[in-house]
Amino acid sequence: MYIINPDPYSLPSYRIGPFTTRDVTVNNLLPPGQIIDGYFNSRFNGRQYVFTRNGRAAINQALSRLDLKAEDVVTILTTTGNYYISGCVTREIEKCCKWSRIFVPETRAIFVNHEFGYPYPGLAGLKRHNLPIIEDCAGAFFSEDRDNTIGKVGDFVIYSFPKMFPLQVGGLLVSKGYPVVNSAANLEPEILQYIKNVLSEYIGKRDLIVKKRIHNYHILKDMFLSLGFRERFSLDEGVVPGVFMFRTDNSGIDLPELKKYFWANGIQSSVFYGEEAFFIPVHQSLTESDLEFFYEVLRSFLQRIE
């Protein structure tokens, strides 16, 4: 049995990222780790990389390297072409210049968002614009595309560790041809070592993380299909999902109310604005009972509106 609509002071806490309260203690007890440095040196094949406090700081540093003027424009492209884009991205761009969802004469850089772990199609073709490219791989740390281009085309690549690992802090900026600020200049040594400890612990569990996320995705897909809801994205080979997103087309569901309902039950979630779609956690820390709880919360909401 699951308790729906619990006392607000006794909520569970399901986040989009895999961090749980238990990880406060687990991470604190991890031994010093440097394995992640060797992993990144190999993965990025000589490209410069720098640790940052979060993904936003990585975006900020990438933009600062481009010498953009206030009247310049960064054109934002996304996997779906949907006009939804996180304020975390737009606010960082607005600190230095303007942004647009289309190419305009003032476009001086391209920002590509691999949404929720799903690669932007035709990534390599963007080189024809002869503009700097920033790839936002915040939710696509392990995702791959058919052409093996994700994370390799951009002049800068952004990662956000809490979206894939049980961490509360940490991002990465990878640069190809542009100098970046040394990590010691923008991140406390203790925090940097903490991030390395956790990443060194979990990077060797890559296959398990990927397998569990895909397993959870398919369980949620089948559960929600039984309620009449289809997946928003098809899970192509190589994609490691950042969320489980489902369509609510023609269901009459008030999506902002659904968001309130999920949050009232301790489940971080959101509307995919611009579409009739909604997303919830799918990460590797979730058990099948957790996924069943998500299903029961949605079922309870539907019963309320019948």
C-alpha atoms as a PDB file:
ATOM      1  CA  MET A   1       0.000   0.000   0.000  1.00  0.00           C
ATOM      2  CA  TYR A   2       1.182   3.533  -0.787  1.00  0.00           C
ATOM      3  CA  ILE A   3       0.162   6.685   1.060  1.00  0.00           C
ATOM      4  CA  ILE A   4      -1.108   9.278  -1.391  1.00  0.00           C
ATOM      5  CA  ASN A   5      -1.320  12.895  -0.228  1.00  0.00           C
ATOM      6  CA  PRO A   6       0.675  12.442   2.993  1.00  0.00           C
ATOM      7  CA  ASP A   7       1.163  15.037   5.680  1.00  0.00           C
ATOM      8  CA  PRO A   8       3.294  17.771   4.008  1.00  0.00           C
ATOM      9  CA  TYR A   9       5.837  17.454   6.832  1.00  0.00           C
ATOM     10  CA  SER A  10       6.386  13.778   6.009  1.00  0.00           C
ATOM     11  CA  LEU A  11       6.904  13.833   2.255  1.00  0.00           C
ATOM     12  CA  PRO A  12       9.208  11.423   0.457  1.00  0.00           C
ATOM     13  CA  SER A  13      11.829  13.064  -1.741  1.00  0.00           C
ATOM     14  CA  TYR A  14      12.167  11.826  -5.306  1.00  0.00           C
ATOM     15  CA  ARG A  15      14.391  14.047  -7.417  1.00  0.00           C
ATOM     16  CA  ILE A  16      15.028  14.147 -11.147  1.00  0.00           C
ATOM     17  CA  GLY A  17      18.675  13.422 -10.290  1.00  0.00           C
ATOM     18  CA  PRO A  18      19.759  10.268  -8.413  1.00  0.00           C
ATOM     19  CA  PHE A  19      20.927  11.978  -5.203  1.00  0.00           C
ATOM     20  CA  THR A  20      19.150  10.765  -2.071  1.00  0.00           C
ATOM     21  CA  THR A  21      19.495  11.820   1.559  1.00  0.00           C
ATOM     22  CA  ARG A  22      21.399   8.612   2.236  1.00  0.00           C
ATOM     23  CA  ASP A  23      24.148   9.801  -0.115  1.00  0.00           C
ATOM     24  CA  VAL A  24      25.142  12.552   2.318  1.00  0.00           C
ATOM     25  CA  THR A  25      26.679   9.861   4.523  1.00  0.00           C
ATOM     26  CA  VAL A  26      27.755   7.499   1.742  1.00  0.00           C
ATOM     27  CA  ASN A  27      29.657  10.219  -0.123  1.00  0.00           C
ATOM     28  CA  ASN A  28      31.281  11.518   3.035  1.00  0.00           C
ATOM     29  CA  LEU A  29      32.805   8.094   3.716  1.00  0.00           C
ATOM     30  CA  LEU A  30      34.253   7.566   0.240  1.00  0.00           C
ATOM     31  CA  PRO A  31      38.054   7.340   0.007  1.00  0.00           C
ATOM     32  CA  PRO A  32      40.027   9.991  -1.898  1.00  0.00           C
ATOM     33  CA  GLY A  33      39.635   9.317  -5.599  1.00  0.00           C
ATOM     34  CA  GLN A  34      41.606  10.318  -8.695  1.00  0.00           C
ATOM     35  CA  ILE A  35      40.307   7.679 -11.113  1.00  0.00           C
ATOM     36  CA  ILE A  36      38.035  10.230 -12.729  1.00  0.00           C
ATOM     37  CA  ASP A  37      41.019  12.274 -13.961  1.00  0.00           C
ATOM     38  CA  GLY A  38      42.284   9.337 -15.996  1.00  0.00           C
ATOM     39  CA  TYR A  39      38.784   8.725 -17.330  1.00  0.00           C
ATOM     40  CA  PHE A  40      38.363  12.324 -18.483  1.00  0.00           C
ATOM     41  CA  ASN A  41      41.878  12.491 -19.956  1.00  0.00           C
ATOM     42  CA  SER A  42      41.061   9.459 -22.063  1.00  0.00           C
ATOM     43  CA  ARG A  43      37.509  10.467 -22.934  1.00  0.00           C
ATOM     44  CA  PHE A  44      38.347  14.013 -23.986  1.00  0.00           C
ATOM     45  CA  ASN A  45      41.512  13.021 -25.836  1.00  0.00           C
ATOM     46  CA  GLY A  46      43.658  16.030 -25.064  1.00  0.00           C
ATOM     47  CA  ARG A  47      40.907  18.650 -24.912  1.00  0.00           C
ATOM     48  CA  GLN A  48      41.063  20.995 -21.953  1.00  0.00           C
ATOM     49  CA  TYR A  49      38.490  20.479 -19.222  1.00  0.00           C
ATOM     50  CA  VAL A  50      37.758  22.273 -15.992  1.00  0.00           C
ATOM     51  CA  PHE A  51      35.540  21.369 -13.039  1.00  0.00           C
ATOM     52  CA  THR A  52      32.918  23.937 -12.031  1.00  0.00           C
ATOM     53  CA  ARG A  53      30.476  24.235  -9.163  1.00  0.00           C
ATOM     54  CA  ASN A  54      27.515  23.416 -11.421  1.00  0.00           C
ATOM     55  CA  GLY A  55      26.387  23.383 -15.018  1.00  0.00           C
ATOM     56  CA  ARG A  56      25.421  27.054 -14.896  1.00  0.00           C
ATOM     57  CA  ALA A  57      28.963  28.044 -13.976  1.00  0.00           C
ATOM     58  CA  ALA A  58      30.241  25.989 -16.911  1.00  0.00           C
ATOM     59  CA  ILE A  59      27.862  27.801 -19.276  1.00  0.00           C
ATOM     60  CA  ASN A  60      28.951  31.141 -17.852  1.00  0.00           C
ATOM     61  CA  GLN A  61      32.630  30.396 -18.390  1.00  0.00           C
ATOM     62  CA  ALA A  62      32.051  29.152 -21.946  1.00  0.00           C
ATOM     63  CA  LEU A  63      30.179  32.330 -22.860  1.00  0.00           C
ATOM     64  CA  SER A  64      32.859  34.500 -21.236  1.00  0.00           C
ATOM     65  CA  ARG A  65      35.486  32.974 -23.567  1.00  0.00           C
ATOM     66  CA  LEU A  66      33.594  34.151 -26.674  1.00  0.00           C
ATOM     67  CA  ASP A  67      33.903  37.907 -26.125  1.00  0.00           C
ATOM     68  CA  LEU A  68      30.224  38.491 -26.885  1.00  0.00           C
ATOM     69  CA  LYS A  69      28.789  42.018 -27.015  1.00  0.00           C
ATOM     70  CA  ALA A  70      25.448  43.060 -25.533  1.00  0.00           C
ATOM     71  CA  GLU A  71      23.847  43.279 -28.982  1.00  0.00           C
ATOM     72  CA  ASP A  72      25.081  39.813 -30.036  1.00  0.00           C
ATOM     73  CA  VAL A  73      22.766  36.804 -30.087  1.00  0.00           C
ATOM     74  CA  VAL A  74      23.227  33.190 -29.044  1.00  0.00           C
ATOM     75  CA  THR A  75      20.892  30.958 -31.034  1.00  0.00           C
ATOM     76  CA  ILE A  76      19.515  28.067 -28.975  1.00  0.00           C
ATOM     77  CA  LEU A  77      18.709  24.772 -30.686  1.00  0.00           C
ATOM     78  CA  THR A  78      17.080  21.795 -28.966  1.00  0.00           C
ATOM     79  CA  THR A  79      16.512  18.144 -29.778  1.00  0.00           C
ATOM     80  CA  THR A  80      12.744  18.528 -30.171  1.00  0.00           C
ATOM     81  CA  GLY A  81      12.622  22.039 -31.595  1.00  0.00           C
ATOM     82  CA  ASN A  82      10.103  22.802 -28.861  1.00  0.00           C
ATOM     83  CA  TYR A  83      10.421  26.387 -27.655  1.00  0.00           C
ATOM     84  CA  TYR A  84      10.785  25.237 -24.043  1.00  0.00           C
ATOM     85  CA  ILE A  85      14.225  25.989 -22.645  1.00  0.00           C
ATOM     86  CA  SER A  86      15.359  26.060 -19.035  1.00  0.00           C
ATOM     87  CA  GLY A  87      15.767  29.448 -17.391  1.00  0.00           C
ATOM     88  CA  CYS A  88      19.108  28.166 -16.109  1.00  0.00           C
ATOM     89  CA  VAL A  89      20.340  28.478 -19.690  1.00  0.00           C
ATOM     90  CA  THR A  90      18.661  31.707 -20.738  1.00  0.00           C
ATOM     91  CA  ARG A  91      19.599  33.585 -17.558  1.00  0.00           C
ATOM     92  CA  GLU A  92      23.275  32.811 -18.087  1.00  0.00           C
ATOM     93  CA  ILE A  93      23.112  34.017 -21.687  1.00  0.00           C
ATOM     94  CA  GLU A  94      21.282  37.183 -20.647  1.00  0.00           C
ATOM     95  CA  LYS A  95      24.223  38.125 -18.416  1.00  0.00           C
ATOM     96  CA  CYS A  96      26.276  38.867 -21.519  1.00  0.00           C
ATOM     97  CA  CYS A  97      24.010  39.179 -24.564  1.00  0.00           C
ATOM     98  CA  LYS A  98      20.691  38.226 -26.159  1.00  0.00           C
ATOM     99  CA  TRP A  99      19.312  34.850 -27.203  1.00  0.00           C
ATOM    100  CA  SER A 100      16.994  33.568 -29.897  1.00  0.00           C
ATOM    101  CA  ARG A 101      15.461  30.268 -30.917  1.00  0.00           C
ATOM    102  CA  ILE A 102      16.205  30.947 -34.591  1.00  0.00           C
ATOM    103  CA  PHE A 103      19.215  32.159 -36.554  1.00  0.00           C
ATOM    104  CA  VAL A 104      19.306  35.923 -36.996  1.00  0.00           C
ATOM    105  CA  PRO A 105      21.919  38.241 -38.540  1.00  0.00           C
ATOM    106  CA  GLU A 106      23.222  39.026 -35.037  1.00  0.00           C
ATOM    107  CA  THR A 107      23.834  35.346 -34.168  1.00  0.00           C
ATOM    108  CA  ARG A 108      27.402  34.966 -32.958  1.00  0.00           C
ATOM    109  CA  ALA A 109      27.245  31.542 -31.288  1.00  0.00           C
ATOM    110  CA  ILE A 110      25.122  28.401 -31.266  1.00  0.00           C
ATOM    111  CA  PHE A 111      23.925  26.720 -28.072  1.00  0.00           C
ATOM    112  CA  VAL A 112      22.787  23.115 -28.638  1.00  0.00           C
ATOM    113  CA  ASN A 113      20.734  21.464 -25.915  1.00  0.00           C
ATOM    114  CA  HIS A 114      20.686  17.651 -26.024  1.00  0.00           C
ATOM    115  CA  GLU A 115      17.348  17.584 -24.213  1.00  0.00           C
ATOM    116  CA  PHE A 116      16.908  15.088 -21.392  1.00  0.00           C
ATOM    117  CA  GLY A 117      19.723  12.905 -22.753  1.00  0.00           C
ATOM    118  CA  TYR A 118      18.384  12.762 -26.324  1.00  0.00           C
ATOM    119  CA  PRO A 119      20.966  13.877 -28.935  1.00  0.00           C
ATOM    120  CA  TYR A 120      20.307  16.835 -31.211  1.00  0.00           C
ATOM    121  CA  PRO A 121      19.929  15.446 -34.744  1.00  0.00           C
ATOM    122  CA  GLY A 122      22.375  16.581 -37.414  1.00  0.00           C
ATOM    123  CA  LEU A 123      24.830  17.989 -34.905  1.00  0.00           C
ATOM    124  CA  ALA A 124      27.870  17.894 -37.211  1.00  0.00           C
ATOM    125  CA  GLY A 125      25.972  19.863 -39.854  1.00  0.00           C
ATOM    126  CA  LEU A 126      25.989  22.937 -37.631  1.00  0.00           C
ATOM    127  CA  LYS A 127      29.652  23.465 -38.458  1.00  0.00           C
ATOM    128  CA  ARG A 128      28.588  24.970 -41.785  1.00  0.00           C
ATOM    129  CA  HIS A 129      27.588  28.163 -39.957  1.00  0.00           C
ATOM    130  CA  ASN A 130      31.235  28.806 -38.967  1.00  0.00           C
ATOM    131  CA  LEU A 131      30.135  29.917 -35.509  1.00  0.00           C
ATOM    132  CA  PRO A 132      31.294  28.753 -32.061  1.00  0.00           C
ATOM    133  CA  ILE A 133      29.164  25.874 -30.799  1.00  0.00           C
ATOM    134  CA  ILE A 134      28.335  25.172 -27.159  1.00  0.00           C
ATOM    135  CA  GLU A 135      26.930  21.699 -26.548  1.00  0.00           C
ATOM    136  CA  ASP A 136      24.758  21.347 -23.469  1.00  0.00           C
ATOM    137  CA  CYS A 137      25.217  17.724 -22.414  1.00  0.00           C
ATOM    138  CA  ALA A 138      23.981  18.388 -18.863  1.00  0.00           C
ATOM    139  CA  GLY A 139      21.525  15.501 -19.085  1.00  0.00           C
ATOM    140  CA  ALA A 140      23.444  13.458 -21.638  1.00  0.00           C
ATOM    141  CA  PHE A 141      26.611  12.374 -19.849  1.00  0.00           C
ATOM    142  CA  PHE A 142      26.457   8.781 -21.128  1.00  0.00           C
ATOM    143  CA  SER A 143      24.257   9.217 -24.201  1.00  0.00           C
ATOM    144  CA  GLU A 144      25.586   8.384 -27.655  1.00  0.00           C
ATOM    145  CA  ASP A 145      24.281   9.085 -31.145  1.00  0.00           C
ATOM    146  CA  ARG A 146      24.598   7.036 -34.301  1.00  0.00           C
ATOM    147  CA  ASP A 147      27.334   9.239 -35.736  1.00  0.00           C
ATOM    148  CA  ASN A 148      29.326   9.266 -32.478  1.00  0.00           C
ATOM    149  CA  THR A 149      29.296  13.075 -32.497  1.00  0.00           C
ATOM    150  CA  ILE A 150      27.558  14.062 -29.254  1.00  0.00           C
ATOM    151  CA  GLY A 151      29.985  15.924 -27.010  1.00  0.00           C
ATOM    152  CA  LYS A 152      32.615  16.050 -29.755  1.00  0.00           C
ATOM    153  CA  VAL A 153      31.432  18.745 -32.153  1.00  0.00           C
ATOM    154  CA  GLY A 154      31.151  21.690 -29.792  1.00  0.00           C
ATOM    155  CA  ASP A 155      33.912  24.188 -29.184  1.00  0.00           C
ATOM    156  CA  PHE A 156      32.623  23.908 -25.626  1.00  0.00           C
ATOM    157  CA  VAL A 157      30.740  21.052 -23.964  1.00  0.00           C
ATOM    158  CA  ILE A 158      28.799  21.443 -20.711  1.00  0.00           C
ATOM    159  CA  TYR A 159      28.096  18.677 -18.180  1.00  0.00           C
ATOM    160  CA  SER A 160      26.132  18.731 -14.919  1.00  0.00           C
ATOM    161  CA  PHE A 161      27.054  15.838 -12.620  1.00  0.00           C
ATOM    162  CA  PRO A 162      23.963  15.821 -10.327  1.00  0.00           C
ATOM    163  CA  LYS A 163      21.794  14.887 -13.300  1.00  0.00           C
ATOM    164  CA  MET A 164      23.597  11.543 -13.656  1.00  0.00           C
ATOM    165  CA  PHE A 165      25.402  10.833 -10.372  1.00  0.00           C
ATOM    166  CA  PRO A 166      24.352  10.956  -6.681  1.00  0.00           C
ATOM    167  CA  LEU A 167      25.925  14.371  -6.158  1.00  0.00           C
ATOM    168  CA  GLN A 168      24.615  17.712  -4.931  1.00  0.00           C
ATOM    169  CA  VAL A 169      27.180  19.811  -6.756  1.00  0.00           C
ATOM    170  CA  GLY A 170      29.533  19.744  -9.722  1.00  0.00           C
ATOM    171  CA  GLY A 171      29.784  20.543 -13.392  1.00  0.00           C
ATOM    172  CA  LEU A 172      32.364  20.319 -16.152  1.00  0.00           C
ATOM    173  CA  LEU A 173      33.387  22.506 -19.059  1.00  0.00           C
ATOM    174  CA  VAL A 174      35.296  20.877 -21.917  1.00  0.00           C
ATOM    175  CA  SER A 175      37.016  23.178 -24.397  1.00  0.00           C
ATOM    176  CA  LYS A 176      38.414  22.689 -27.865  1.00  0.00           C
ATOM    177  CA  GLY A 177      40.785  25.487 -28.785  1.00  0.00           C
ATOM    178  CA  TYR A 178      39.645  28.042 -26.209  1.00  0.00           C
ATOM    179  CA  PRO A 179      41.532  28.616 -22.937  1.00  0.00           C
ATOM    180  CA  VAL A 180      39.566  27.928 -19.758  1.00  0.00           C
ATOM    181  CA  VAL A 181      40.086  29.030 -16.173  1.00  0.00           C
ATOM    182  CA  ASN A 182      41.880  26.507 -13.955  1.00  0.00           C
ATOM    183  CA  SER A 183      39.506  24.764 -11.541  1.00  0.00           C
ATOM    184  CA  ALA A 184      41.432  26.007  -8.511  1.00  0.00           C
ATOM    185  CA  ALA A 185      40.417  29.536  -9.448  1.00  0.00           C
ATOM    186  CA  ASN A 186      36.671  28.968  -9.274  1.00  0.00           C
ATOM    187  CA  LEU A 187      36.059  25.943  -7.038  1.00  0.00           C
ATOM    188  CA  GLU A 188      37.083  25.325  -3.447  1.00  0.00           C
ATOM    189  CA  PRO A 189      39.725  22.546  -3.209  1.00  0.00           C
ATOM    190  CA  GLU A 190      37.617  20.602  -0.696  1.00  0.00           C
ATOM    191  CA  ILE A 191      34.561  20.677  -2.973  1.00  0.00           C
ATOM    192  CA  LEU A 192      36.673  19.700  -5.987  1.00  0.00           C
ATOM    193  CA  GLN A 193      38.086  16.692  -4.142  1.00  0.00           C
ATOM    194  CA  TYR A 194      34.611  15.712  -2.957  1.00  0.00           C
ATOM    195  CA  ILE A 195      33.341  15.744  -6.549  1.00  0.00           C
ATOM    196  CA  LYS A 196      36.310  13.642  -7.680  1.00  0.00           C
ATOM    197  CA  ASN A 197      35.738  11.146  -4.856  1.00  0.00           C
ATOM    198  CA  VAL A 198      32.141  10.544  -5.889  1.00  0.00           C
ATOM    199  CA  LEU A 199      32.817  10.439  -9.618  1.00  0.00           C
ATOM    200  CA  SER A 200      35.764   8.064  -9.092  1.00  0.00           C
ATOM    201  CA  GLU A 201      33.454   5.768  -7.128  1.00  0.00           C
ATOM    202  CA  TYR A 202      30.668   5.682  -9.695  1.00  0.00           C
ATOM    203  CA  ILE A 203      32.374   5.996 -13.075  1.00  0.00           C
ATOM    204  CA  GLY A 204      33.284   2.305 -12.918  1.00  0.00           C
ATOM    205  CA  LYS A 205      29.565   1.549 -12.540  1.00  0.00           C
ATOM    206  CA  ARG A 206      28.717   3.120 -15.871  1.00  0.00           C
ATOM    207  CA  ASP A 207      27.184  -0.034 -17.350  1.00  0.00           C
ATOM    208  CA  LEU A 208      25.000  -0.584 -14.288  1.00  0.00           C
ATOM    209  CA  ILE A 209      23.812   3.038 -14.308  1.00  0.00           C
ATOM    210  CA  VAL A 210      22.940   2.904 -18.001  1.00  0.00           C
ATOM    211  CA  LYS A 211      21.232  -0.480 -17.712  1.00  0.00           C
ATOM    212  CA  LYS A 212      19.146   0.573 -14.701  1.00  0.00           C
ATOM    213  CA  ARG A 213      17.953   3.811 -16.281  1.00  0.00           C
ATOM    214  CA  ILE A 214      16.867   2.009 -19.431  1.00  0.00           C
ATOM    215  CA  HIS A 215      15.208  -0.727 -17.351  1.00  0.00           C
ATOM    216  CA  ASN A 216      13.291   1.860 -15.317  1.00  0.00           C
ATOM    217  CA  TYR A 217      12.269   3.662 -18.483  1.00  0.00           C
ATOM    218  CA  HIS A 218      10.670   0.567 -19.966  1.00  0.00           C
ATOM    219  CA  ILE A 219       8.840  -0.244 -16.738  1.00  0.00           C
ATOM    220  CA  LEU A 220       7.356   3.258 -16.601  1.00  0.00           C
ATOM    221  CA  LYS A 221       6.548   3.124 -20.299  1.00  0.00           C
ATOM    222  CA  ASP A 222       4.498  -0.058 -19.832  1.00  0.00           C
ATOM    223  CA  MET A 223       2.821   1.152 -16.627  1.00  0.00           C
ATOM    224  CA  PHE A 224       1.783   4.489 -18.067  1.00  0.00           C
ATOM    225  CA  LEU A 225       0.645   2.948 -21.338  1.00  0.00           C
ATOM    226  CA  SER A 226      -1.871   0.955 -19.291  1.00  0.00           C
ATOM    227  CA  LEU A 227      -3.328   4.322 -18.259  1.00  0.00           C
ATOM    228  CA  GLY A 228      -3.455   5.499 -21.867  1.00  0.00           C
ATOM    229  CA  PHE A 229      -0.265   7.575 -21.986  1.00  0.00           C
ATOM    230  CA  ARG A 230       2.520   7.149 -24.554  1.00  0.00           C
ATOM    231  CA  GLU A 231       6.195   7.998 -24.266  1.00  0.00           C
ATOM    232  CA  ARG A 232       7.187  11.412 -25.652  1.00  0.00           C
ATOM    233  CA  PHE A 233      10.549  10.206 -26.997  1.00  0.00           C
ATOM    234  CA  SER A 234      11.375   6.840 -28.479  1.00  0.00           C
ATOM    235  CA  LEU A 235      14.353   5.372 -26.652  1.00  0.00           C
ATOM    236  CA  ASP A 236      16.801   4.838 -29.507  1.00  0.00           C
ATOM    237  CA  GLU A 237      19.936   2.762 -29.118  1.00  0.00           C
ATOM    238  CA  GLY A 238      22.659   4.659 -27.295  1.00  0.00           C
ATOM    239  CA  VAL A 239      20.323   7.066 -25.504  1.00  0.00           C
ATOM    240  CA  VAL A 240      20.485   7.120 -21.699  1.00  0.00           C
ATOM    241  CA  PRO A 241      17.306   8.886 -20.536  1.00  0.00           C
ATOM    242  CA  GLY A 242      17.458  11.797 -18.125  1.00  0.00           C
ATOM    243  CA  VAL A 243      13.735  11.613 -17.383  1.00  0.00           C
ATOM    244  CA  PHE A 244      10.666   9.635 -18.327  1.00  0.00           C
ATOM    245  CA  MET A 245       8.435  11.895 -20.382  1.00  0.00           C
ATOM    246  CA  PHE A 246       4.923  10.948 -21.446  1.00  0.00           C
ATOM    247  CA  ARG A 247       2.322  12.558 -23.670  1.00  0.00           C
ATOM    248  CA  THR A 248      -1.054  13.598 -22.271  1.00  0.00           C
ATOM    249  CA  ASP A 249      -2.579  14.519 -25.642  1.00  0.00           C
ATOM    250  CA  ASN A 250      -6.371  14.963 -25.653  1.00  0.00           C
ATOM    251  CA  SER A 251      -6.666  13.706 -22.079  1.00  0.00           C
ATOM    252  CA  GLY A 252      -7.977  16.974 -20.698  1.00  0.00           C
ATOM    253  CA  ILE A 253      -5.399  16.910 -17.907  1.00  0.00           C
ATOM    254  CA  ASP A 254      -4.524  20.261 -16.350  1.00  0.00           C
ATOM    255  CA  LEU A 255      -0.748  19.844 -16.437  1.00  0.00           C
ATOM    256  CA  PRO A 256       0.103  22.608 -13.916  1.00  0.00           C
ATOM    257  CA  GLU A 257      -2.299  20.899 -11.499  1.00  0.00           C
ATOM    258  CA  LEU A 258      -0.672  17.541 -12.204  1.00  0.00           C
ATOM    259  CA  LYS A 259       2.687  19.098 -11.381  1.00  0.00           C
ATOM    260  CA  LYS A 260       1.348  20.408  -8.071  1.00  0.00           C
ATOM    261  CA  TYR A 261      -0.062  16.956  -7.298  1.00  0.00           C
ATOM    262  CA  PHE A 262       3.200  15.127  -7.982  1.00  0.00           C
ATOM    263  CA  TRP A 263       5.180  17.649  -5.920  1.00  0.00           C
ATOM    264  CA  ALA A 264       2.625  17.357  -3.100  1.00  0.00           C
ATOM    265  CA  ASN A 265       3.530  13.668  -3.037  1.00  0.00           C
ATOM    266  CA  GLY A 266       7.260  14.340  -2.947  1.00  0.00           C
ATOM    267  CA  ILE A 267       8.000  13.702  -6.633  1.00  0.00           C
ATOM    268  CA  GLN A 268      10.035  16.285  -8.548  1.00  0.00           C
ATOM    269  CA  SER A 269       8.455  16.649 -11.982  1.00  0.00           C
ATOM    270  CA  SER A 270       7.447  19.235 -14.534  1.00  0.00           C
ATOM    271  CA  VAL A 271       5.437  20.108 -17.593  1.00  0.00           C
ATOM    272  CA  PHE A 272       7.213  20.029 -20.938  1.00  0.00           C
ATOM    273  CA  TYR A 273       5.909  23.491 -21.757  1.00  0.00           C
ATOM    274  CA  GLY A 274       4.715  24.055 -25.294  1.00  0.00           C
ATOM    275  CA  GLU A 275       3.413  20.488 -25.561  1.00  0.00           C
ATOM    276  CA  GLU A 276       0.927  18.286 -23.774  1.00  0.00           C
ATOM    277  CA  ALA A 277       3.679  16.308 -22.083  1.00  0.00           C
ATOM    278  CA  PHE A 278       5.003  15.754 -18.575  1.00  0.00           C
ATOM    279  CA  PHE A 279       8.193  14.303 -17.113  1.00  0.00           C
ATOM    280  CA  ILE A 280       9.193  12.471 -13.936  1.00  0.00           C
ATOM    281  CA  PRO A 281      12.367  10.807 -12.548  1.00  0.00           C
ATOM    282  CA  VAL A 282      13.799   7.665 -14.151  1.00  0.00           C
ATOM    283  CA  HIS A 283      17.267   7.502 -12.574  1.00  0.00           C
ATOM    284  CA  GLN A 284      19.232   4.500 -11.333  1.00  0.00           C
ATOM    285  CA  SER A 285      18.509   5.015  -7.619  1.00  0.00           C
ATOM    286  CA  LEU A 286      14.826   4.194  -8.113  1.00  0.00           C
ATOM    287  CA  THR A 287      13.451   0.759  -7.266  1.00  0.00           C
ATOM    288  CA  GLU A 288      10.520  -0.903  -8.988  1.00  0.00           C
ATOM    289  CA  SER A 289       8.412  -0.070  -5.924  1.00  0.00           C
ATOM    290  CA  ASP A 290       9.291   3.602  -6.402  1.00  0.00           C
ATOM    291  CA  LEU A 291       8.145   3.411 -10.013  1.00  0.00           C
ATOM    292  CA  GLU A 292       4.910   1.729  -8.908  1.00  0.00           C
ATOM    293  CA  PHE A 293       4.384   4.595  -6.477  1.00  0.00           C
ATOM    294  CA  PHE A 294       4.693   7.092  -9.366  1.00  0.00           C
ATOM    295  CA  TYR A 295       2.079   5.077 -11.227  1.00  0.00           C
ATOM    296  CA  GLU A 296      -0.261   5.092  -8.231  1.00  0.00           C
ATOM    297  CA  VAL A 297       0.115   8.851  -7.804  1.00  0.00           C
ATOM    298  CA  LEU A 298      -0.869   9.421 -11.434  1.00  0.00           C
ATOM    299  CA  ARG A 299      -3.747   6.959 -11.156  1.00  0.00           C
ATOM    300  CA  SER A 300      -4.981   8.736  -8.036  1.00  0.00           C
ATOM    301  CA  PHE A 301      -4.879  12.086  -9.844  1.00  0.00           C
ATOM    302  CA  LEU A 302      -6.885  10.681 -12.746  1.00  0.00           C
ATOM    303  CA  GLN A 303      -9.517   9.303 -10.376  1.00  0.00           C
ATOM    304  CA  ARG A 304      -9.894  12.748  -8.854  1.00  0.00           C
ATOM    305  CA  ILE A 305     -10.710  14.390 -12.174  1.00  0.00           C
ATOM    306  CA  GLU A 306     -13.083  11.723 -13.527  1.00  0.00           C
END
